[in-house]
C-alpha cells in the first residue's frame, strides 16, 4: 500500500515480439504482444497510467524460458479507451481475459505492477480456472481497508497535471537514475487525463475490499523503500499461499530499477509452479 500512500503524500516495441493481437472487450481494441515459448505462460500487467513498455527489461529474459504476453490495459498505451470514460477493475480484468483467450493459453501466471496488482486479483476472482499464480510488484493484492475514506482529487486540467507529476516524482528514490525517471515520467504523462482520473477511481472501488479467499500461489515483490509491508499471516487469511520479499534500494518501479534481481525472483517463483 506504500505506493498509494506515496500518491497521497505528493498530491499539493518490445524485443522478440511476434506482433499485436486482435483481442477486444466491449468493442475496445486491446493491444498485446506475445514473445517466446515454453510450458508456462506469463502475462505482464502494468500499473496506473503506464503501458507495456514498463516491462522492456523483463520480456527478453522471461521469453527465453516462457511464453510472455504483455498488455496495454484499456485507456493505456495503444489500447482503446471507453468512450464514456468509465474504468473499472472488472473492465481491466476482462481485457486480460480477452487477451488470454485470443492467445489460446489455458493457465497463466499473472504479474501485476502497482495498480496491476488489484487487476490480477480481480482477474483471479472472475476467471480462477485460468490462473496458475499471481505476482504483485509493489502493489496490493489484499485490498481489505484499502483507500477507505480517501476522496481522489481531480486529475484534469493544469492543476491535475501538476498533481500527476508530483505523484510520479514521489515514486522515485534519490538513487533512481535520471534517465529512468525521465522515461517513466514521459510514459505516465502520455496517458490521457480521463484515464488518469478514471483508473484512479477504479482502484478505490469498495467492492475490491472483500475478504474472499484467493487460493492460488501468490508472491509480492515490494520496493526496498516501502515501509508499509503487510503482515504475512494476516494476508494469508485471504491469500493462503502468499509470500513476500523486498528488493533493497529500489523505488516503486522495482522491475526497472533492479531488473536482474527482479527477473531472478520471478523465474524462481514461476519454476516452482511447474513442480
Protein backbone atom coordinates (compact mmCIF):
# COMPACT_ATOMS: atom_id res chain seq x y z
CA UNK A 1 0.00 0.00 0.00
CA UNK A 2 3.08 2.24 0.20
CA UNK A 3 2.78 3.18 -3.47
CA UNK A 4 -0.69 4.56 -2.82
CA UNK A 5 0.50 6.43 0.26
CA UNK A 6 3.18 7.97 -1.93
CA UNK A 7 0.48 9.35 -4.19
CA UNK A 8 -1.32 10.91 -1.26
CA UNK A 9 1.83 12.47 0.15
CA UNK A 10 2.78 14.06 -3.15
CA UNK A 11 -0.58 15.45 -4.19
CA UNK A 12 -0.50 19.52 -3.08
CA UNK A 13 8.49 -2.04 -29.45
CA UNK A 14 9.34 -4.89 -27.34
CA UNK A 15 12.17 -7.26 -28.17
CA UNK A 16 11.29 -10.66 -29.67
CA UNK A 17 7.69 -9.59 -30.24
CA UNK A 18 5.53 -11.68 -32.52
CA UNK A 19 3.08 -8.83 -33.14
CA UNK A 20 -0.09 -7.31 -31.79
CA UNK A 21 -3.25 -9.26 -31.06
CA UNK A 22 -6.80 -8.81 -32.24
CA UNK A 23 -8.33 -9.09 -28.76
CA UNK A 24 -11.19 -6.79 -27.81
CA UNK A 25 -13.50 -6.15 -24.87
CA UNK A 26 -16.76 -4.19 -25.05
CA UNK A 27 -15.81 -3.19 -28.58
CA UNK A 28 -12.45 -1.76 -27.46
CA UNK A 29 -9.30 -2.96 -29.19
CA UNK A 30 -6.79 -4.23 -26.61
CA UNK A 31 -3.14 -4.14 -27.59
CA UNK A 32 -0.93 -7.04 -26.60
CA UNK A 33 2.19 -8.81 -27.79
CA UNK A 34 3.44 -12.36 -27.36
CA UNK A 35 7.07 -13.47 -27.15
CA UNK A 36 8.95 -16.70 -26.57
CA UNK A 37 7.64 -20.17 -25.83
CA UNK A 38 7.63 -22.68 -23.02
CA UNK A 39 5.40 -24.73 -20.75
CA UNK A 40 4.44 -21.69 -18.67
CA UNK A 41 2.70 -18.56 -19.95
CA UNK A 42 3.37 -15.30 -18.12
CA UNK A 43 1.28 -12.16 -18.60
CA UNK A 44 2.72 -8.82 -17.53
CA UNK A 45 0.17 -6.21 -16.39
CA UNK A 46 1.35 -2.63 -15.99
CA UNK A 47 0.29 -0.04 -13.43
CA UNK A 48 -1.66 3.22 -13.30
CA UNK A 49 -1.10 5.43 -16.40
CA UNK A 50 1.73 3.15 -17.53
CA UNK A 51 1.91 0.80 -20.51
CA UNK A 52 3.56 -2.42 -21.62
CA UNK A 53 6.93 -0.70 -22.10
CA UNK A 54 7.24 -0.92 -18.29
CA UNK A 55 8.41 -4.48 -18.87
CA UNK A 56 11.10 -3.93 -21.51
CA UNK A 57 13.78 -5.29 -19.17
CA UNK A 58 11.74 -8.44 -18.46
CA UNK A 59 10.47 -9.58 -21.85
CA UNK A 60 13.74 -10.83 -23.45
CA UNK A 61 14.83 -12.62 -20.27
CA UNK A 62 11.50 -14.25 -19.45
CA UNK A 63 10.83 -15.09 -23.11
CA UNK A 64 13.95 -17.27 -23.11
CA UNK A 65 12.15 -19.59 -20.66
CA UNK A 66 8.40 -18.99 -21.03
CA UNK A 67 5.76 -17.64 -23.31
CA UNK A 68 5.42 -13.97 -22.33
CA UNK A 69 2.39 -11.80 -23.07
CA UNK A 70 2.30 -8.05 -22.49
CA UNK A 71 -0.87 -5.99 -22.49
CA UNK A 72 -1.90 -2.35 -22.58
CA UNK A 73 -4.96 -2.06 -20.35
CA UNK A 74 -7.99 -0.11 -21.68
CA UNK A 75 -7.18 3.59 -21.96
CA UNK A 76 -3.45 2.97 -21.67
CA UNK A 77 -0.73 2.74 -24.32
CA UNK A 78 -2.07 1.53 -27.65
CA UNK A 79 -5.40 0.19 -26.36
CA UNK A 80 -8.72 1.92 -26.86
CA UNK A 81 -10.39 3.82 -24.03
CA UNK A 82 -14.07 3.58 -23.10
CA UNK A 83 -15.90 6.48 -24.71
CA UNK A 84 -17.79 7.34 -21.54
CA UNK A 85 -14.57 7.50 -19.51
CA UNK A 86 -15.72 4.77 -17.11
CA UNK A 87 -12.94 2.50 -15.91
CA UNK A 88 -13.47 -0.45 -13.57
CA UNK A 89 -11.38 -3.33 -12.28
CA UNK A 90 -13.85 -5.67 -13.99
CA UNK A 91 -13.12 -3.96 -17.33
CA UNK A 92 -9.37 -4.32 -16.80
CA UNK A 93 -9.75 -7.97 -15.75
CA UNK A 94 -11.95 -8.77 -18.73
CA UNK A 95 -9.37 -7.15 -21.03
CA UNK A 96 -6.78 -9.53 -19.59
CA UNK A 97 -9.16 -12.42 -20.22
CA UNK A 98 -9.75 -11.32 -23.82
CA UNK A 99 -6.01 -11.34 -24.44
CA UNK A 100 -5.56 -14.73 -22.72
CA UNK A 101 -8.35 -16.27 -24.77
CA UNK A 102 -7.08 -14.79 -28.02
CA UNK A 103 -3.61 -16.18 -27.22
CA UNK A 104 -5.04 -19.65 -26.58
CA UNK A 105 -3.28 -20.02 -23.23
CA UNK A 106 -5.07 -22.25 -20.73
CA UNK A 107 -3.44 -21.13 -17.47
CA UNK A 108 -1.31 -18.06 -16.96
CA UNK A 109 0.98 -16.62 -14.32
CA UNK A 110 -0.09 -13.01 -13.84
CA UNK A 111 2.45 -10.36 -12.84
CA UNK A 112 0.92 -7.01 -11.91
CA UNK A 113 2.78 -3.81 -11.04
CA UNK A 114 1.17 -1.15 -8.83
CA UNK A 115 -2.47 -0.87 -9.98
CA UNK A 116 -1.80 -4.09 -11.87
CA UNK A 117 -1.85 -5.95 -8.54
CA UNK A 118 -5.56 -5.35 -7.86
CA UNK A 119 -6.19 -6.01 -11.56
CA UNK A 120 -4.71 -9.52 -11.33
CA UNK A 121 -6.51 -10.18 -8.02
CA UNK A 122 -9.79 -9.26 -9.68
CA UNK A 123 -8.93 -11.48 -12.63
CA UNK A 124 -8.35 -14.37 -10.22
CA UNK A 125 -11.83 -13.76 -8.77
CA UNK A 126 -13.54 -13.71 -12.15
CA UNK A 127 -11.52 -16.35 -14.01
CA UNK A 128 -9.91 -18.60 -11.37
CA UNK A 129 -9.57 -21.66 -13.60
CA UNK A 130 -7.10 -19.79 -15.81
CA UNK A 131 -4.71 -18.67 -13.04
CA UNK A 132 -1.55 -20.62 -12.23
CA UNK A 133 -0.12 -17.98 -9.89
CA UNK A 134 0.00 -14.28 -9.01
CA UNK A 135 2.95 -11.92 -8.60
CA UNK A 136 2.31 -8.42 -7.25
CA UNK A 137 5.01 -5.79 -7.73
CA UNK A 138 4.84 -3.01 -5.12
CA UNK A 139 1.07 -3.09 -5.22
CA UNK A 140 -1.72 -4.57 -3.08
CA UNK A 141 -3.29 -7.97 -3.57
CA UNK A 142 -5.08 -7.76 -0.22
CA UNK A 143 -7.41 -4.79 -0.63
CA UNK A 144 -9.22 -5.01 2.71
CA UNK A 145 -9.48 -1.47 4.05
CA UNK A 146 -7.51 -0.07 1.11
CA UNK A 147 -8.26 3.60 0.40
CA UNK A 148 -11.17 3.86 2.82
CA UNK A 149 -12.16 7.48 3.44
CA UNK A 150 -9.95 8.84 0.67
CA UNK A 151 -11.57 11.06 -1.95
CA UNK A 152 -9.39 11.29 -5.05
CA UNK A 153 -8.62 14.78 -6.33
CA UNK A 154 -9.42 15.90 -9.83
CA UNK A 155 -6.62 14.92 -12.15
CA UNK A 156 -7.87 17.07 -15.02
CA UNK A 157 -6.54 20.39 -16.26
CA UNK A 158 -3.30 22.18 -15.42
CA UNK A 159 -3.58 21.55 -11.69
CA UNK A 160 -4.36 17.90 -12.31
CA UNK A 161 -1.27 17.60 -14.47
CA UNK A 162 0.85 19.10 -11.68
CA UNK A 163 -0.68 16.60 -9.24
CA UNK A 164 0.20 13.73 -11.56
CA UNK A 165 3.78 14.97 -11.90
CA UNK A 166 4.07 15.16 -8.13
CA UNK A 167 2.74 11.64 -7.72
CA UNK A 168 5.23 10.27 -10.22
CA UNK A 169 8.23 12.03 -8.69
CA UNK A 170 7.19 10.57 -5.33
CA UNK A 171 7.69 7.07 -6.76
CA UNK A 172 11.43 7.58 -7.19
CA UNK A 173 14.32 7.44 -4.75
CA UNK A 174 17.48 9.58 -4.81
CA UNK A 175 19.17 6.57 -6.44
CA UNK A 176 16.69 6.25 -9.31
CA UNK A 177 18.77 7.12 -12.40
CA UNK A 178 17.72 10.44 -14.01
CA UNK A 179 17.30 8.81 -17.42
CA UNK A 180 14.94 6.24 -15.93
CA UNK A 181 12.98 8.96 -14.14
CA UNK A 182 12.57 10.81 -17.42
CA UNK A 183 11.43 7.63 -19.20
CA UNK A 184 8.82 6.84 -16.54
CA UNK A 185 7.60 10.43 -16.36
CA UNK A 186 7.14 10.59 -20.15
CA UNK A 187 5.32 7.24 -20.20
CA UNK A 188 2.91 8.10 -17.39
CA UNK A 189 2.12 11.64 -18.50
CA UNK A 190 1.32 10.37 -22.00
CA UNK A 191 -1.86 8.74 -20.66
CA UNK A 192 -4.98 10.89 -21.20
CA UNK A 193 -6.33 12.73 -18.17
CA UNK A 194 -9.56 10.74 -18.45
CA UNK A 195 -7.52 7.57 -17.99
CA UNK A 196 -5.60 9.02 -15.05
CA UNK A 197 -8.80 10.07 -13.28
CA UNK A 198 -10.93 7.06 -14.17
CA UNK A 199 -8.30 4.43 -13.45
CA UNK A 200 -7.53 6.05 -10.09
CA UNK A 201 -11.20 5.85 -9.15
CA UNK A 202 -11.35 2.20 -10.17
CA UNK A 203 -8.71 1.35 -7.56
CA UNK A 204 -10.91 2.81 -4.82
CA UNK A 205 -14.00 0.73 -5.60
CA UNK A 206 -15.28 -0.62 -2.23
CA UNK A 207 -16.15 -3.92 -3.91
CA UNK A 208 -12.44 -4.67 -4.13
CA UNK A 209 -12.15 -4.76 -0.32
CA UNK A 210 -13.94 -8.07 0.02
CA UNK A 211 -12.40 -10.69 2.29
CA UNK A 212 -12.94 -13.56 -0.13
CA UNK A 213 -10.20 -16.17 -0.41
CA UNK A 214 -7.95 -16.38 -3.47
CA UNK A 215 -6.29 -19.82 -3.26
CA UNK A 216 -3.63 -19.56 -5.98
CA UNK A 217 0.08 -19.29 -5.11
CA UNK A 218 0.95 -15.60 -4.72
CA UNK A 219 4.18 -13.67 -4.36
CA UNK A 220 4.57 -9.98 -3.55
CA UNK A 221 7.79 -8.21 -4.53
CA UNK A 222 7.99 -4.93 -2.63
CA UNK A 223 10.19 -1.90 -3.20
CA UNK A 224 13.10 -1.66 -0.78
CA UNK A 225 11.90 1.78 0.36
CA UNK A 226 8.42 0.52 1.21
CA UNK A 227 7.78 0.87 4.96
CA UNK A 228 4.21 -0.48 4.86
CA UNK A 229 4.80 -4.14 4.09
CA UNK A 230 1.71 -6.14 5.05
CA UNK A 231 1.71 -8.77 7.76
CA UNK A 232 2.14 -12.16 6.09
CA UNK A 233 -0.10 -14.10 8.47
CA UNK A 234 -2.87 -11.52 8.16
CA UNK A 235 -2.59 -11.55 4.39
CA UNK A 236 -2.82 -15.35 4.37
CA UNK A 237 -6.41 -15.04 5.61
CA UNK A 238 -7.37 -14.09 2.05
CA UNK A 239 -4.32 -15.38 0.16
CA UNK A 240 -3.42 -18.63 1.96
CA UNK A 241 -0.44 -19.41 -0.30
CA UNK A 242 1.15 -15.95 -0.06
CA UNK A 243 4.79 -15.00 0.42
CA UNK A 244 6.66 -11.73 0.02
CA UNK A 245 10.09 -10.20 -0.36
CA UNK A 246 11.72 -6.79 -0.80
CA UNK A 247 14.34 -5.63 -3.27
CA UNK A 248 16.74 -3.33 -1.42
CA UNK A 249 17.49 0.11 -2.80
CA UNK A 250 14.51 0.35 -5.14
CA UNK A 251 11.62 2.75 -5.50
CA UNK A 252 8.21 1.95 -6.91
CA UNK A 253 9.45 0.67 -10.28
CA UNK A 254 11.32 -2.32 -8.87
CA UNK A 255 11.49 -4.22 -12.16
CA UNK A 256 13.04 -1.25 -13.98
CA UNK A 257 15.48 -0.25 -11.25
CA UNK A 258 16.94 -3.71 -10.49
CA UNK A 259 15.84 -5.89 -13.41
CA UNK A 260 18.34 -8.71 -12.89
CA UNK A 261 17.31 -9.32 -9.27
CA UNK A 262 13.65 -8.92 -10.14
CA UNK A 263 13.88 -11.38 -13.03
CA UNK A 264 15.56 -13.96 -10.79
CA UNK A 265 12.75 -13.67 -8.24
CA UNK A 266 10.10 -14.09 -10.92
CA UNK A 267 11.73 -17.08 -12.64
CA UNK A 268 12.25 -18.80 -9.29
CA UNK A 269 8.55 -18.39 -8.46
CA UNK A 270 7.28 -19.44 -11.90
CA UNK A 271 9.52 -22.50 -11.95
CA UNK A 272 8.11 -23.72 -8.62
CA UNK A 273 4.61 -23.73 -10.14
CA UNK A 274 5.52 -26.43 -12.62
CA UNK A 275 6.83 -28.85 -9.97
